[in-house]
Amino acid sequence: MVNATAAIQELDRAGQPITFQAVAEAAGVSRSWLYRDPEIRAEIERLRATSTVTAAPVPARERASRESLRQQLEALRTELAELRRDNKLLRDQLARRLGEERTTATWGQRRTPTTTGRS
């Protein structure tokens, strides 16, 4: 059992798929022996069920849990909301500034000396 447990851990650390065949080969035991041991069988089935096929396999202890992913998503949503508020604030400030500049430019043109016919 120790060899099978060590084989599972090594395969997982290496990011290799955890299958009965792979564990049997790594541990030097038969697949039927793995199926008969309830603890080993449960661990292989658990890891096999949680593994995902990716270009670069990730060991089970490094995989993100659903809760972890949910927390990351919530943090990103919060950050997005803050960025949207900041963006709106900056757009409003810019619109006010441009409005002030237009007003100043318009009043500046009206107050310029004009020829009134007086000499």
N, C-alpha and C. Protein backbone atom coordinates (compact mmCIF):
# COMPACT_ATOMS: atom_id res chain seq x y z
N MET A 1 0.82 -1.19 0.00
CA MET A 1 0.00 0.00 0.00
C MET A 1 0.86 1.25 0.00
N VAL A 2 2.00 1.22 0.69
CA VAL A 2 2.89 2.38 0.74
C VAL A 2 3.40 2.71 -0.65
N ASN A 3 3.76 1.68 -1.42
CA ASN A 3 4.25 1.93 -2.78
C ASN A 3 3.17 2.56 -3.65
N ALA A 4 1.94 2.11 -3.50
CA ALA A 4 0.85 2.65 -4.30
C ALA A 4 0.57 4.09 -3.90
N THR A 5 0.58 4.38 -2.62
CA THR A 5 0.35 5.74 -2.15
C THR A 5 1.46 6.66 -2.64
N ALA A 6 2.69 6.21 -2.54
CA ALA A 6 3.82 7.01 -3.03
C ALA A 6 3.72 7.22 -4.54
N ALA A 7 3.28 6.20 -5.27
CA ALA A 7 3.13 6.32 -6.72
C ALA A 7 2.06 7.34 -7.07
N ILE A 8 0.97 7.32 -6.33
CA ILE A 8 -0.11 8.30 -6.57
C ILE A 8 0.41 9.71 -6.33
N GLN A 9 1.11 9.89 -5.22
CA GLN A 9 1.65 11.21 -4.89
C GLN A 9 2.64 11.69 -5.96
N GLU A 10 3.49 10.79 -6.41
CA GLU A 10 4.49 11.15 -7.41
C GLU A 10 3.83 11.51 -8.75
N LEU A 11 2.86 10.71 -9.16
CA LEU A 11 2.15 11.01 -10.40
C LEU A 11 1.44 12.36 -10.30
N ASP A 12 0.83 12.62 -9.15
CA ASP A 12 0.12 13.87 -8.94
C ASP A 12 1.09 15.05 -8.95
N ARG A 13 2.22 14.91 -8.26
CA ARG A 13 3.23 15.97 -8.25
C ARG A 13 3.73 16.28 -9.65
N ALA A 14 3.87 15.26 -10.45
CA ALA A 14 4.36 15.43 -11.82
C ALA A 14 3.26 15.93 -12.76
N GLY A 15 2.02 16.00 -12.24
CA GLY A 15 0.93 16.46 -13.08
C GLY A 15 0.45 15.42 -14.07
N GLN A 16 0.79 14.17 -13.81
CA GLN A 16 0.39 13.08 -14.70
C GLN A 16 -1.04 12.63 -14.36
N PRO A 17 -1.75 12.10 -15.33
CA PRO A 17 -3.10 11.60 -15.05
C PRO A 17 -3.05 10.46 -14.04
N ILE A 18 -3.97 10.48 -13.10
CA ILE A 18 -4.04 9.43 -12.09
C ILE A 18 -5.05 8.40 -12.57
N THR A 19 -4.54 7.27 -13.04
CA THR A 19 -5.39 6.18 -13.49
C THR A 19 -4.92 4.91 -12.80
N PHE A 20 -5.78 3.89 -12.79
CA PHE A 20 -5.39 2.62 -12.18
C PHE A 20 -4.18 2.04 -12.90
N GLN A 21 -4.15 2.15 -14.22
CA GLN A 21 -3.03 1.63 -15.01
C GLN A 21 -1.74 2.35 -14.66
N ALA A 22 -1.78 3.68 -14.60
CA ALA A 22 -0.57 4.45 -14.32
C ALA A 22 -0.05 4.15 -12.90
N VAL A 23 -0.95 4.08 -11.93
CA VAL A 23 -0.54 3.80 -10.55
C VAL A 23 0.02 2.39 -10.44
N ALA A 24 -0.63 1.43 -11.09
CA ALA A 24 -0.15 0.04 -11.04
C ALA A 24 1.26 -0.05 -11.62
N GLU A 25 1.50 0.59 -12.74
CA GLU A 25 2.83 0.55 -13.35
C GLU A 25 3.87 1.24 -12.46
N ALA A 26 3.51 2.43 -11.91
CA ALA A 26 4.46 3.17 -11.08
C ALA A 26 4.77 2.44 -9.77
N ALA A 27 3.77 1.75 -9.22
CA ALA A 27 3.96 1.07 -7.93
C ALA A 27 4.44 -0.37 -8.08
N GLY A 28 4.37 -0.89 -9.29
CA GLY A 28 4.77 -2.28 -9.49
C GLY A 28 3.79 -3.27 -8.91
N VAL A 29 2.51 -2.94 -8.99
CA VAL A 29 1.46 -3.83 -8.49
C VAL A 29 0.44 -4.05 -9.60
N SER A 30 -0.47 -4.99 -9.37
CA SER A 30 -1.50 -5.24 -10.38
C SER A 30 -2.67 -4.27 -10.20
N ARG A 31 -3.39 -4.05 -11.28
CA ARG A 31 -4.57 -3.19 -11.20
C ARG A 31 -5.62 -3.82 -10.28
N SER A 32 -5.74 -5.14 -10.34
CA SER A 32 -6.74 -5.79 -9.50
C SER A 32 -6.44 -5.56 -8.02
N TRP A 33 -5.16 -5.51 -7.64
CA TRP A 33 -4.80 -5.24 -6.25
C TRP A 33 -5.25 -3.83 -5.86
N LEU A 34 -5.07 -2.88 -6.77
CA LEU A 34 -5.51 -1.50 -6.50
C LEU A 34 -7.03 -1.43 -6.32
N TYR A 35 -7.75 -2.16 -7.15
CA TYR A 35 -9.22 -2.16 -7.05
C TYR A 35 -9.69 -2.79 -5.73
N ARG A 36 -8.94 -3.76 -5.21
CA ARG A 36 -9.35 -4.44 -3.98
C ARG A 36 -9.07 -3.62 -2.73
N ASP A 37 -8.15 -2.69 -2.77
CA ASP A 37 -7.82 -1.87 -1.59
C ASP A 37 -8.74 -0.65 -1.57
N PRO A 38 -9.67 -0.58 -0.61
CA PRO A 38 -10.69 0.50 -0.63
C PRO A 38 -10.10 1.91 -0.51
N GLU A 39 -9.06 2.09 0.28
CA GLU A 39 -8.47 3.42 0.44
C GLU A 39 -7.78 3.88 -0.83
N ILE A 40 -6.97 3.00 -1.39
CA ILE A 40 -6.24 3.33 -2.63
C ILE A 40 -7.25 3.57 -3.75
N ARG A 41 -8.21 2.67 -3.86
CA ARG A 41 -9.22 2.81 -4.92
C ARG A 41 -9.96 4.15 -4.81
N ALA A 42 -10.36 4.51 -3.58
CA ALA A 42 -11.08 5.77 -3.37
C ALA A 42 -10.22 6.97 -3.75
N GLU A 43 -8.93 6.93 -3.40
CA GLU A 43 -8.04 8.05 -3.72
C GLU A 43 -7.83 8.17 -5.23
N ILE A 44 -7.63 7.05 -5.89
CA ILE A 44 -7.45 7.08 -7.36
C ILE A 44 -8.73 7.62 -8.01
N GLU A 45 -9.87 7.13 -7.59
CA GLU A 45 -11.14 7.58 -8.17
C GLU A 45 -11.38 9.07 -7.90
N ARG A 46 -11.03 9.52 -6.70
CA ARG A 46 -11.21 10.94 -6.36
C ARG A 46 -10.33 11.82 -7.25
N LEU A 47 -9.06 11.44 -7.36
CA LEU A 47 -8.14 12.24 -8.18
C LEU A 47 -8.49 12.17 -9.66
N ARG A 48 -8.92 11.01 -10.09
CA ARG A 48 -9.30 10.84 -11.50
C ARG A 48 -10.53 11.70 -11.82
N ALA A 49 -11.47 11.78 -10.87
CA ALA A 49 -12.69 12.57 -11.08
C ALA A 49 -12.41 14.06 -11.08
N THR A 50 -11.42 14.51 -10.32
CA THR A 50 -11.14 15.94 -10.24
C THR A 50 -10.12 16.42 -11.24
N SER A 51 -9.50 15.49 -11.94
CA SER A 51 -8.47 15.91 -12.89
C SER A 51 -9.13 16.50 -14.13
N THR A 52 -8.43 17.46 -14.72
CA THR A 52 -8.90 18.08 -15.95
C THR A 52 -7.82 17.88 -17.00
N VAL A 53 -8.25 17.75 -18.21
CA VAL A 53 -7.29 17.59 -19.30
C VAL A 53 -6.88 18.97 -19.76
N THR A 54 -5.60 19.29 -19.57
CA THR A 54 -5.07 20.58 -19.98
C THR A 54 -3.75 20.36 -20.70
N ALA A 55 -3.27 21.40 -21.31
CA ALA A 55 -1.99 21.31 -22.00
C ALA A 55 -0.87 21.04 -20.99
N ALA A 56 -0.96 21.66 -19.81
CA ALA A 56 0.03 21.45 -18.77
C ALA A 56 -0.70 20.96 -17.52
N PRO A 57 -0.67 19.66 -17.24
CA PRO A 57 -1.38 19.13 -16.08
C PRO A 57 -0.90 19.78 -14.79
N VAL A 58 -1.83 19.98 -13.86
CA VAL A 58 -1.54 20.62 -12.58
C VAL A 58 -1.83 19.62 -11.47
N PRO A 59 -0.92 19.48 -10.51
CA PRO A 59 -1.17 18.57 -9.39
C PRO A 59 -2.43 18.97 -8.63
N ALA A 60 -3.09 18.01 -7.99
CA ALA A 60 -4.36 18.25 -7.30
C ALA A 60 -4.24 19.34 -6.25
N ARG A 61 -3.16 19.37 -5.50
CA ARG A 61 -3.06 20.37 -4.42
C ARG A 61 -2.91 21.78 -4.97
N GLU A 62 -2.56 21.93 -6.26
CA GLU A 62 -2.39 23.25 -6.86
C GLU A 62 -3.62 23.69 -7.66
N ARG A 63 -4.58 22.78 -7.82
CA ARG A 63 -5.78 23.14 -8.57
C ARG A 63 -6.66 24.04 -7.73
N ALA A 64 -7.29 25.00 -8.37
CA ALA A 64 -8.18 25.92 -7.66
C ALA A 64 -9.49 25.23 -7.33
N SER A 65 -9.97 25.47 -6.13
CA SER A 65 -11.26 24.91 -5.74
C SER A 65 -12.36 25.82 -6.27
N ARG A 66 -13.58 25.32 -6.26
CA ARG A 66 -14.72 26.13 -6.70
C ARG A 66 -14.85 27.38 -5.84
N GLU A 67 -14.66 27.22 -4.54
CA GLU A 67 -14.76 28.37 -3.63
C GLU A 67 -13.69 29.41 -3.94
N SER A 68 -12.49 28.94 -4.21
CA SER A 68 -11.40 29.85 -4.56
C SER A 68 -11.72 30.61 -5.85
N LEU A 69 -12.22 29.90 -6.83
CA LEU A 69 -12.58 30.54 -8.10
C LEU A 69 -13.73 31.53 -7.90
N ARG A 70 -14.69 31.17 -7.03
CA ARG A 70 -15.81 32.06 -6.76
C ARG A 70 -15.31 33.35 -6.10
N GLN A 71 -14.38 33.22 -5.17
CA GLN A 71 -13.83 34.39 -4.50
C GLN A 71 -13.05 35.27 -5.47
N GLN A 72 -12.29 34.64 -6.36
CA GLN A 72 -11.57 35.42 -7.37
C GLN A 72 -12.53 36.17 -8.27
N LEU A 73 -13.60 35.50 -8.68
CA LEU A 73 -14.60 36.12 -9.54
C LEU A 73 -15.25 37.31 -8.83
N GLU A 74 -15.59 37.13 -7.57
CA GLU A 74 -16.21 38.22 -6.80
C GLU A 74 -15.25 39.41 -6.67
N ALA A 75 -13.98 39.13 -6.41
CA ALA A 75 -12.99 40.21 -6.31
C ALA A 75 -12.86 40.96 -7.63
N LEU A 76 -12.88 40.22 -8.74
CA LEU A 76 -12.78 40.87 -10.05
C LEU A 76 -14.03 41.70 -10.36
N ARG A 77 -15.18 41.20 -9.95
CA ARG A 77 -16.42 41.97 -10.16
C ARG A 77 -16.39 43.27 -9.36
N THR A 78 -15.90 43.18 -8.12
CA THR A 78 -15.79 44.38 -7.28
C THR A 78 -14.84 45.38 -7.91
N GLU A 79 -13.70 44.89 -8.36
CA GLU A 79 -12.72 45.77 -9.00
C GLU A 79 -13.30 46.40 -10.26
N LEU A 80 -14.02 45.63 -11.05
CA LEU A 80 -14.64 46.15 -12.27
C LEU A 80 -15.64 47.26 -11.94
N ALA A 81 -16.43 47.06 -10.90
CA ALA A 81 -17.41 48.08 -10.49
C ALA A 81 -16.70 49.36 -10.08
N GLU A 82 -15.59 49.23 -9.33
CA GLU A 82 -14.82 50.41 -8.91
C GLU A 82 -14.24 51.13 -10.12
N LEU A 83 -13.70 50.38 -11.06
CA LEU A 83 -13.13 50.99 -12.25
C LEU A 83 -14.19 51.70 -13.09
N ARG A 84 -15.38 51.11 -13.15
CA ARG A 84 -16.47 51.76 -13.88
C ARG A 84 -16.88 53.06 -13.20
N ARG A 85 -16.94 53.06 -11.85
CA ARG A 85 -17.27 54.30 -11.12
C ARG A 85 -16.20 55.36 -11.37
N ASP A 86 -14.93 54.97 -11.29
CA ASP A 86 -13.84 55.91 -11.53
C ASP A 86 -13.91 56.47 -12.95
N ASN A 87 -14.18 55.60 -13.90
CA ASN A 87 -14.27 56.01 -15.30
C ASN A 87 -15.40 57.03 -15.48
N LYS A 88 -16.55 56.76 -14.87
CA LYS A 88 -17.68 57.68 -14.96
C LYS A 88 -17.33 59.03 -14.34
N LEU A 89 -16.69 59.00 -13.17
CA LEU A 89 -16.28 60.23 -12.50
C LEU A 89 -15.35 61.05 -13.40
N LEU A 90 -14.38 60.39 -13.98
CA LEU A 90 -13.43 61.08 -14.85
C LEU A 90 -14.11 61.64 -16.11
N ARG A 91 -15.04 60.90 -16.68
CA ARG A 91 -15.78 61.40 -17.84
C ARG A 91 -16.61 62.62 -17.48
N ASP A 92 -17.25 62.57 -16.31
CA ASP A 92 -18.04 63.72 -15.86
C ASP A 92 -17.15 64.94 -15.63
N GLN A 93 -15.99 64.75 -15.00
CA GLN A 93 -15.06 65.86 -14.78
C GLN A 93 -14.59 66.44 -16.11
N LEU A 94 -14.30 65.59 -17.06
CA LEU A 94 -13.85 66.05 -18.37
C LEU A 94 -14.96 66.83 -19.08
N ALA A 95 -16.18 66.32 -19.00
CA ALA A 95 -17.30 67.02 -19.64
C ALA A 95 -17.49 68.40 -19.02
N ARG A 96 -17.42 68.50 -17.69
CA ARG A 96 -17.55 69.80 -17.03
C ARG A 96 -16.44 70.75 -17.46
N ARG A 97 -15.22 70.24 -17.50
CA ARG A 97 -14.07 71.07 -17.88
C ARG A 97 -14.20 71.58 -19.31
N LEU A 98 -14.60 70.68 -20.21
CA LEU A 98 -14.79 71.10 -21.60
C LEU A 98 -15.91 72.13 -21.71
N GLY A 99 -16.97 71.93 -20.93
CA GLY A 99 -18.07 72.89 -20.92
C GLY A 99 -17.61 74.25 -20.42
N GLU A 100 -16.80 74.27 -19.36
CA GLU A 100 -16.26 75.53 -18.84
C GLU A 100 -15.39 76.22 -19.88
N GLU A 101 -14.55 75.46 -20.56
CA GLU A 101 -13.67 76.05 -21.58
C GLU A 101 -14.49 76.63 -22.73
N ARG A 102 -15.53 75.96 -23.15
CA ARG A 102 -16.39 76.48 -24.21
C ARG A 102 -17.08 77.77 -23.78
N THR A 103 -17.56 77.75 -22.55
CA THR A 103 -18.23 78.94 -22.03
C THR A 103 -17.26 80.12 -21.97
N THR A 104 -16.06 79.87 -21.47
CA THR A 104 -15.05 80.91 -21.39
C THR A 104 -14.68 81.42 -22.78
N ALA A 105 -14.52 80.51 -23.71
CA ALA A 105 -14.16 80.90 -25.08
C ALA A 105 -15.28 81.71 -25.71
N THR A 106 -16.52 81.31 -25.49
CA THR A 106 -17.67 82.02 -26.06
C THR A 106 -17.78 83.42 -25.46
N TRP A 107 -17.66 83.56 -24.14
CA TRP A 107 -17.74 84.87 -23.49
C TRP A 107 -16.54 85.73 -23.88
N GLY A 108 -15.40 85.11 -24.06
CA GLY A 108 -14.21 85.86 -24.46
C GLY A 108 -14.38 86.46 -25.84
N GLN A 109 -15.04 85.76 -26.75
CA GLN A 109 -15.27 86.28 -28.10
C GLN A 109 -16.27 87.42 -28.06
N ARG A 110 -17.26 87.37 -27.21
CA ARG A 110 -18.29 88.41 -27.14
C ARG A 110 -17.76 89.69 -26.53
N ARG A 111 -16.77 89.61 -25.67
CA ARG A 111 -16.26 90.78 -24.98
C ARG A 111 -15.10 91.45 -25.71
N THR A 112 -14.71 90.91 -26.83
CA THR A 112 -13.61 91.53 -27.54
C THR A 112 -14.08 92.87 -28.13
N PRO A 113 -13.19 93.83 -28.18
CA PRO A 113 -13.58 95.14 -28.72
C PRO A 113 -14.05 94.99 -30.17
N THR A 114 -15.15 95.65 -30.46
CA THR A 114 -15.66 95.64 -31.82
C THR A 114 -15.79 97.06 -32.30
N THR A 115 -15.90 97.19 -33.56
CA THR A 115 -16.06 98.52 -34.12
C THR A 115 -17.51 98.92 -33.95
N THR A 116 -17.75 99.97 -33.20
CA THR A 116 -19.12 100.42 -32.91
C THR A 116 -19.50 101.64 -33.72
N GLY A 117 -18.60 102.15 -34.51
CA GLY A 117 -18.89 103.32 -35.31
C GLY A 117 -18.44 104.60 -34.65
N ARG A 118 -17.97 104.51 -33.41
CA ARG A 118 -17.46 105.72 -32.74
C ARG A 118 -16.01 105.94 -33.12
N SER A 119 -15.63 107.18 -33.15
CA SER A 119 -14.25 107.50 -33.45
C SER A 119 -13.60 108.16 -32.32
